[in-house]
Amino acid sequence: MCVAVPGKILEIDGHFALVDFNGAKRKVIISLVKNPEIGQYVIVHAGYAIEVMDEEQAREALNIFEEIIEKDMLD
């Protein structure tokens, strides 16, 4: 199973960006995304930003991940 996670671009340096995943910050390759900008949300798989998404979509996805984690912790 493959999982892609949304995160917010904090900084851009060439083909790399510092992306915030709900407090966890990671360096991500952004060369696959057209015109990425600071403040945008991107969906990241295996260290690569693969798509820009709007903030509402990102928050929905993050809420779903949170629900899954909470449910898993209760089981």
N, C-alpha and C. Protein backbone atom coordinates (compact mmCIF):
# COMPACT_ATOMS: atom_id res chain seq x y z
N MET A 1 0.84 -1.17 0.00
CA MET A 1 0.00 0.00 0.00
C MET A 1 0.90 1.24 0.00
N CYS A 2 0.53 2.23 -0.79
CA CYS A 2 1.26 3.49 -0.84
C CYS A 2 0.48 4.56 -0.10
N VAL A 3 1.20 5.41 0.59
CA VAL A 3 0.56 6.50 1.32
C VAL A 3 1.23 7.81 0.92
N ALA A 4 0.41 8.79 0.61
CA ALA A 4 0.91 10.13 0.32
C ALA A 4 0.32 11.05 1.39
N VAL A 5 1.13 11.97 1.88
CA VAL A 5 0.74 12.80 3.02
C VAL A 5 0.80 14.27 2.63
N PRO A 6 -0.22 15.06 3.01
CA PRO A 6 -0.17 16.49 2.73
C PRO A 6 0.69 17.24 3.73
N GLY A 7 1.36 18.27 3.24
CA GLY A 7 2.17 19.13 4.09
C GLY A 7 2.23 20.52 3.49
N LYS A 8 2.63 21.48 4.32
CA LYS A 8 2.67 22.89 3.92
C LYS A 8 4.11 23.31 3.65
N ILE A 9 4.34 23.94 2.51
CA ILE A 9 5.67 24.42 2.14
C ILE A 9 6.03 25.63 3.00
N LEU A 10 7.16 25.52 3.70
CA LEU A 10 7.64 26.61 4.55
C LEU A 10 8.76 27.41 3.89
N GLU A 11 9.65 26.71 3.18
CA GLU A 11 10.80 27.34 2.52
C GLU A 11 11.06 26.60 1.22
N ILE A 12 11.62 27.33 0.24
CA ILE A 12 12.01 26.72 -1.03
C ILE A 12 13.46 27.07 -1.29
N ASP A 13 14.23 26.03 -1.69
CA ASP A 13 15.64 26.20 -2.03
C ASP A 13 15.93 25.34 -3.26
N GLY A 14 15.82 25.96 -4.43
CA GLY A 14 16.05 25.21 -5.67
C GLY A 14 14.98 24.16 -5.89
N HIS A 15 15.42 22.91 -6.00
CA HIS A 15 14.49 21.79 -6.23
C HIS A 15 14.00 21.17 -4.93
N PHE A 16 14.31 21.80 -3.81
CA PHE A 16 13.91 21.27 -2.51
C PHE A 16 13.03 22.27 -1.76
N ALA A 17 12.21 21.74 -0.87
CA ALA A 17 11.40 22.59 0.00
C ALA A 17 11.40 21.99 1.40
N LEU A 18 11.31 22.85 2.38
CA LEU A 18 11.08 22.42 3.74
C LEU A 18 9.56 22.39 3.91
N VAL A 19 9.04 21.21 4.24
CA VAL A 19 7.60 21.01 4.32
C VAL A 19 7.22 20.61 5.74
N ASP A 20 6.15 21.21 6.23
CA ASP A 20 5.64 20.94 7.58
C ASP A 20 4.48 19.95 7.50
N PHE A 21 4.67 18.80 8.14
CA PHE A 21 3.65 17.76 8.23
C PHE A 21 3.11 17.75 9.65
N ASN A 22 2.23 18.69 9.97
CA ASN A 22 1.64 18.77 11.31
C ASN A 22 2.70 18.83 12.41
N GLY A 23 3.73 19.63 12.19
CA GLY A 23 4.77 19.82 13.19
C GLY A 23 6.08 19.10 12.87
N ALA A 24 6.03 18.05 12.09
CA ALA A 24 7.25 17.35 11.65
C ALA A 24 7.70 17.99 10.34
N LYS A 25 8.91 18.52 10.34
CA LYS A 25 9.42 19.23 9.16
C LYS A 25 10.44 18.35 8.44
N ARG A 26 10.26 18.24 7.12
CA ARG A 26 11.14 17.41 6.31
C ARG A 26 11.50 18.14 5.02
N LYS A 27 12.69 17.81 4.49
CA LYS A 27 13.11 18.32 3.19
C LYS A 27 12.50 17.41 2.12
N VAL A 28 11.87 18.02 1.13
CA VAL A 28 11.14 17.30 0.09
C VAL A 28 11.59 17.80 -1.28
N ILE A 29 11.66 16.91 -2.25
CA ILE A 29 11.98 17.29 -3.62
C ILE A 29 10.70 17.82 -4.28
N ILE A 30 10.78 19.02 -4.85
CA ILE A 30 9.60 19.65 -5.43
C ILE A 30 9.67 19.79 -6.95
N SER A 31 10.64 19.15 -7.58
CA SER A 31 10.84 19.33 -9.02
C SER A 31 9.72 18.73 -9.86
N LEU A 32 8.84 17.91 -9.29
CA LEU A 32 7.73 17.34 -10.06
C LEU A 32 6.49 18.24 -10.06
N VAL A 33 6.51 19.28 -9.23
CA VAL A 33 5.36 20.17 -9.09
C VAL A 33 5.63 21.47 -9.84
N LYS A 34 4.65 21.90 -10.62
CA LYS A 34 4.80 23.13 -11.41
C LYS A 34 4.59 24.35 -10.53
N ASN A 35 5.58 25.22 -10.47
CA ASN A 35 5.53 26.50 -9.76
C ASN A 35 5.09 26.41 -8.30
N PRO A 36 5.75 25.59 -7.49
CA PRO A 36 5.38 25.53 -6.07
C PRO A 36 5.70 26.85 -5.38
N GLU A 37 4.89 27.20 -4.38
CA GLU A 37 5.08 28.46 -3.67
C GLU A 37 5.01 28.23 -2.16
N ILE A 38 5.71 29.06 -1.43
CA ILE A 38 5.66 29.02 0.03
C ILE A 38 4.21 29.25 0.46
N GLY A 39 3.76 28.44 1.41
CA GLY A 39 2.40 28.55 1.92
C GLY A 39 1.43 27.58 1.26
N GLN A 40 1.81 27.02 0.11
CA GLN A 40 0.95 26.03 -0.55
C GLN A 40 1.06 24.68 0.16
N TYR A 41 0.01 23.89 0.01
CA TYR A 41 0.04 22.52 0.50
C TYR A 41 0.35 21.61 -0.68
N VAL A 42 1.19 20.62 -0.43
CA VAL A 42 1.53 19.63 -1.44
C VAL A 42 1.28 18.24 -0.86
N ILE A 43 1.00 17.32 -1.74
CA ILE A 43 0.89 15.93 -1.31
C ILE A 43 2.23 15.27 -1.63
N VAL A 44 2.79 14.57 -0.63
CA VAL A 44 4.15 14.05 -0.73
C VAL A 44 4.14 12.53 -0.62
N HIS A 45 4.84 11.89 -1.55
CA HIS A 45 5.01 10.44 -1.53
C HIS A 45 6.48 10.13 -1.73
N ALA A 46 7.04 9.35 -0.83
CA ALA A 46 8.43 8.89 -0.93
C ALA A 46 9.42 10.04 -1.10
N GLY A 47 9.14 11.17 -0.42
CA GLY A 47 10.07 12.29 -0.44
C GLY A 47 9.90 13.25 -1.60
N TYR A 48 8.90 13.00 -2.45
CA TYR A 48 8.64 13.85 -3.61
C TYR A 48 7.27 14.50 -3.49
N ALA A 49 7.20 15.81 -3.67
CA ALA A 49 5.91 16.48 -3.80
C ALA A 49 5.36 16.10 -5.17
N ILE A 50 4.15 15.55 -5.19
CA ILE A 50 3.61 15.08 -6.47
C ILE A 50 2.41 15.89 -6.95
N GLU A 51 1.86 16.74 -6.07
CA GLU A 51 0.71 17.54 -6.48
C GLU A 51 0.48 18.66 -5.47
N VAL A 52 0.04 19.81 -5.97
CA VAL A 52 -0.38 20.91 -5.11
C VAL A 52 -1.85 20.67 -4.77
N MET A 53 -2.23 20.92 -3.53
CA MET A 53 -3.62 20.79 -3.14
C MET A 53 -4.04 22.02 -2.36
N ASP A 54 -5.34 22.30 -2.37
CA ASP A 54 -5.77 23.49 -1.63
C ASP A 54 -5.83 23.16 -0.13
N GLU A 55 -5.87 24.21 0.67
CA GLU A 55 -5.79 24.06 2.12
C GLU A 55 -6.94 23.23 2.67
N GLU A 56 -8.13 23.39 2.12
CA GLU A 56 -9.29 22.63 2.60
C GLU A 56 -9.09 21.13 2.38
N GLN A 57 -8.61 20.75 1.20
CA GLN A 57 -8.33 19.34 0.91
C GLN A 57 -7.27 18.81 1.87
N ALA A 58 -6.24 19.60 2.10
CA ALA A 58 -5.15 19.17 2.98
C ALA A 58 -5.67 18.95 4.40
N ARG A 59 -6.46 19.87 4.89
CA ARG A 59 -7.00 19.73 6.25
C ARG A 59 -7.91 18.51 6.37
N GLU A 60 -8.72 18.26 5.34
CA GLU A 60 -9.59 17.07 5.33
C GLU A 60 -8.74 15.80 5.43
N ALA A 61 -7.70 15.74 4.61
CA ALA A 61 -6.83 14.56 4.61
C ALA A 61 -6.13 14.40 5.96
N LEU A 62 -5.64 15.50 6.52
CA LEU A 62 -4.96 15.43 7.82
C LEU A 62 -5.93 14.98 8.92
N ASN A 63 -7.18 15.43 8.86
CA ASN A 63 -8.18 14.99 9.84
C ASN A 63 -8.44 13.49 9.72
N ILE A 64 -8.47 12.99 8.49
CA ILE A 64 -8.68 11.55 8.28
C ILE A 64 -7.50 10.76 8.86
N PHE A 65 -6.28 11.21 8.60
CA PHE A 65 -5.11 10.54 9.18
C PHE A 65 -5.19 10.53 10.70
N GLU A 66 -5.60 11.66 11.27
CA GLU A 66 -5.71 11.77 12.72
C GLU A 66 -6.74 10.77 13.27
N GLU A 67 -7.88 10.66 12.59
CA GLU A 67 -8.93 9.71 12.99
C GLU A 67 -8.41 8.28 12.94
N ILE A 68 -7.67 7.95 11.90
CA ILE A 68 -7.12 6.60 11.75
C ILE A 68 -6.16 6.29 12.89
N ILE A 69 -5.30 7.23 13.19
CA ILE A 69 -4.32 7.04 14.26
C ILE A 69 -5.02 6.87 15.61
N GLU A 70 -6.02 7.72 15.87
CA GLU A 70 -6.75 7.62 17.13
C GLU A 70 -7.47 6.27 17.25
N LYS A 71 -8.10 5.84 16.17
CA LYS A 71 -8.80 4.56 16.17
C LYS A 71 -7.82 3.42 16.40
N ASP A 72 -6.68 3.49 15.74
CA ASP A 72 -5.67 2.44 15.89
C ASP A 72 -5.16 2.36 17.34
N MET A 73 -5.03 3.52 17.98
CA MET A 73 -4.54 3.54 19.35
C MET A 73 -5.56 2.95 20.32
N LEU A 74 -6.85 3.06 19.99
CA LEU A 74 -7.90 2.53 20.84
C LEU A 74 -8.08 1.02 20.70
N ASP A 75 -7.70 0.50 19.55
CA ASP A 75 -7.86 -0.96 19.28
C ASP A 75 -6.80 -1.78 19.94
